[in-house]
Amino acid sequence: MDILILKTDINSEGEFLSVKNKLSECYLLNECTIDLEDRDKVLRVIGNDLNLTEVTSNVNKLGFACKELLD
């Protein structure tokens, strides 16, 4: 199982649902959540065989900034 923690500029529940739906089309997700209260708008994606480059690319194609959140 893979866990990706991503910094985004997603600002609403509606935008998050668009991203979640797109990622669900591409991957078998166990969980996909966002913290809209955090300044980094942290997107957490959990699933099998997740590819960081592909996930960030899919989010970018929807018009949102997305990159791995590093400590």
C-alpha atoms as a PDB file:
ATOM      1  CA  MET A   1       0.000   0.000   0.000  1.00  0.00           C
ATOM      2  CA  ASP A   2       1.266   3.454  -0.916  1.00  0.00           C
ATOM      3  CA  ILE A   3       0.630   6.715   0.930  1.00  0.00           C
ATOM      4  CA  LEU A   4       1.145  10.060  -0.795  1.00  0.00           C
ATOM      5  CA  ILE A   5       1.082  13.323   1.163  1.00  0.00           C
ATOM      6  CA  LEU A   6       0.738  16.259  -1.209  1.00  0.00           C
ATOM      7  CA  LYS A   7       0.707  20.047  -0.950  1.00  0.00           C
ATOM      8  CA  THR A   8      -2.031  21.542  -3.146  1.00  0.00           C
ATOM      9  CA  ASP A   9      -3.944  24.729  -3.814  1.00  0.00           C
ATOM     10  CA  ILE A  10      -7.360  23.047  -3.643  1.00  0.00           C
ATOM     11  CA  ASN A  11      -9.639  25.501  -1.831  1.00  0.00           C
ATOM     12  CA  SER A  12     -13.088  23.905  -1.582  1.00  0.00           C
ATOM     13  CA  GLU A  13     -14.894  20.652  -1.028  1.00  0.00           C
ATOM     14  CA  GLY A  14     -16.169  20.809  -4.614  1.00  0.00           C
ATOM     15  CA  GLU A  15     -12.661  21.111  -6.016  1.00  0.00           C
ATOM     16  CA  PHE A  16     -11.540  18.227  -3.817  1.00  0.00           C
ATOM     17  CA  LEU A  17     -14.392  16.030  -5.048  1.00  0.00           C
ATOM     18  CA  SER A  18     -13.323  16.673  -8.657  1.00  0.00           C
ATOM     19  CA  VAL A  19      -9.782  15.594  -7.793  1.00  0.00           C
ATOM     20  CA  LYS A  20     -10.959  12.575  -5.802  1.00  0.00           C
ATOM     21  CA  ASN A  21     -13.239  11.436  -8.629  1.00  0.00           C
ATOM     22  CA  LYS A  22     -10.418  11.740 -11.180  1.00  0.00           C
ATOM     23  CA  LEU A  23      -7.980   9.809  -9.000  1.00  0.00           C
ATOM     24  CA  SER A  24     -10.644   7.156  -8.346  1.00  0.00           C
ATOM     25  CA  GLU A  25     -10.944   6.648 -12.114  1.00  0.00           C
ATOM     26  CA  CYS A  26      -7.199   6.015 -12.372  1.00  0.00           C
ATOM     27  CA  TYR A  27      -6.447   4.114  -9.167  1.00  0.00           C
ATOM     28  CA  LEU A  28      -8.055   1.766  -6.672  1.00  0.00           C
ATOM     29  CA  LEU A  29      -8.023   4.089  -3.674  1.00  0.00           C
ATOM     30  CA  ASN A  30      -8.349   3.010  -0.073  1.00  0.00           C
ATOM     31  CA  GLU A  31      -8.656   6.599   1.113  1.00  0.00           C
ATOM     32  CA  CYS A  32      -8.413  10.120  -0.236  1.00  0.00           C
ATOM     33  CA  THR A  33      -8.760  13.108   2.089  1.00  0.00           C
ATOM     34  CA  ILE A  34      -7.894  16.787   2.199  1.00  0.00           C
ATOM     35  CA  ASP A  35      -7.298  19.215   5.042  1.00  0.00           C
ATOM     36  CA  LEU A  36      -8.723  22.487   3.779  1.00  0.00           C
ATOM     37  CA  GLU A  37      -7.879  24.190   7.088  1.00  0.00           C
ATOM     38  CA  ASP A  38      -4.134  23.545   6.698  1.00  0.00           C
ATOM     39  CA  ARG A  39      -2.158  26.255   4.904  1.00  0.00           C
ATOM     40  CA  ASP A  40      -0.724  23.586   2.564  1.00  0.00           C
ATOM     41  CA  LYS A  41      -4.180  22.168   1.719  1.00  0.00           C
ATOM     42  CA  VAL A  42      -2.763  18.697   2.379  1.00  0.00           C
ATOM     43  CA  LEU A  43      -4.101  15.969   0.108  1.00  0.00           C
ATOM     44  CA  ARG A  44      -3.561  12.445   1.455  1.00  0.00           C
ATOM     45  CA  VAL A  45      -3.965   9.588  -1.010  1.00  0.00           C
ATOM     46  CA  ILE A  46      -3.779   5.952   0.067  1.00  0.00           C
ATOM     47  CA  GLY A  47      -3.954   3.052  -2.366  1.00  0.00           C
ATOM     48  CA  ASN A  48      -2.088   0.323  -4.161  1.00  0.00           C
ATOM     49  CA  ASP A  49       0.446   0.991  -6.897  1.00  0.00           C
ATOM     50  CA  LEU A  50       0.245   4.788  -6.661  1.00  0.00           C
ATOM     51  CA  ASN A  51       2.780   6.649  -8.754  1.00  0.00           C
ATOM     52  CA  LEU A  52       3.711  10.101  -7.431  1.00  0.00           C
ATOM     53  CA  THR A  53       4.424  11.545 -10.878  1.00  0.00           C
ATOM     54  CA  GLU A  54       1.158  10.264 -12.342  1.00  0.00           C
ATOM     55  CA  VAL A  55      -0.950  11.384  -9.377  1.00  0.00           C
ATOM     56  CA  THR A  56       0.505  14.903  -9.395  1.00  0.00           C
ATOM     57  CA  SER A  57       0.093  15.068 -13.173  1.00  0.00           C
ATOM     58  CA  ASN A  58      -3.583  14.098 -12.920  1.00  0.00           C
ATOM     59  CA  VAL A  59      -4.193  16.765 -10.281  1.00  0.00           C
ATOM     60  CA  ASN A  60      -2.292  19.348 -12.370  1.00  0.00           C
ATOM     61  CA  LYS A  61      -4.426  18.506 -15.431  1.00  0.00           C
ATOM     62  CA  LEU A  62      -7.463  19.551 -13.414  1.00  0.00           C
ATOM     63  CA  GLY A  63      -5.859  22.961 -12.915  1.00  0.00           C
ATOM     64  CA  PHE A  64      -4.486  22.580  -9.410  1.00  0.00           C
ATOM     65  CA  ALA A  65      -0.939  22.888  -8.118  1.00  0.00           C
ATOM     66  CA  CYS A  66       0.252  19.678  -6.495  1.00  0.00           C
ATOM     67  CA  LYS A  67       3.592  18.476  -5.234  1.00  0.00           C
ATOM     68  CA  GLU A  68       4.934  16.086  -2.640  1.00  0.00           C
ATOM     69  CA  LEU A  69       4.959  17.588   0.830  1.00  0.00           C
ATOM     70  CA  LEU A  70       8.409  17.167   2.271  1.00  0.00           C
ATOM     71  CA  ASP A  71       9.346  17.689   5.913  1.00  0.00           C
END
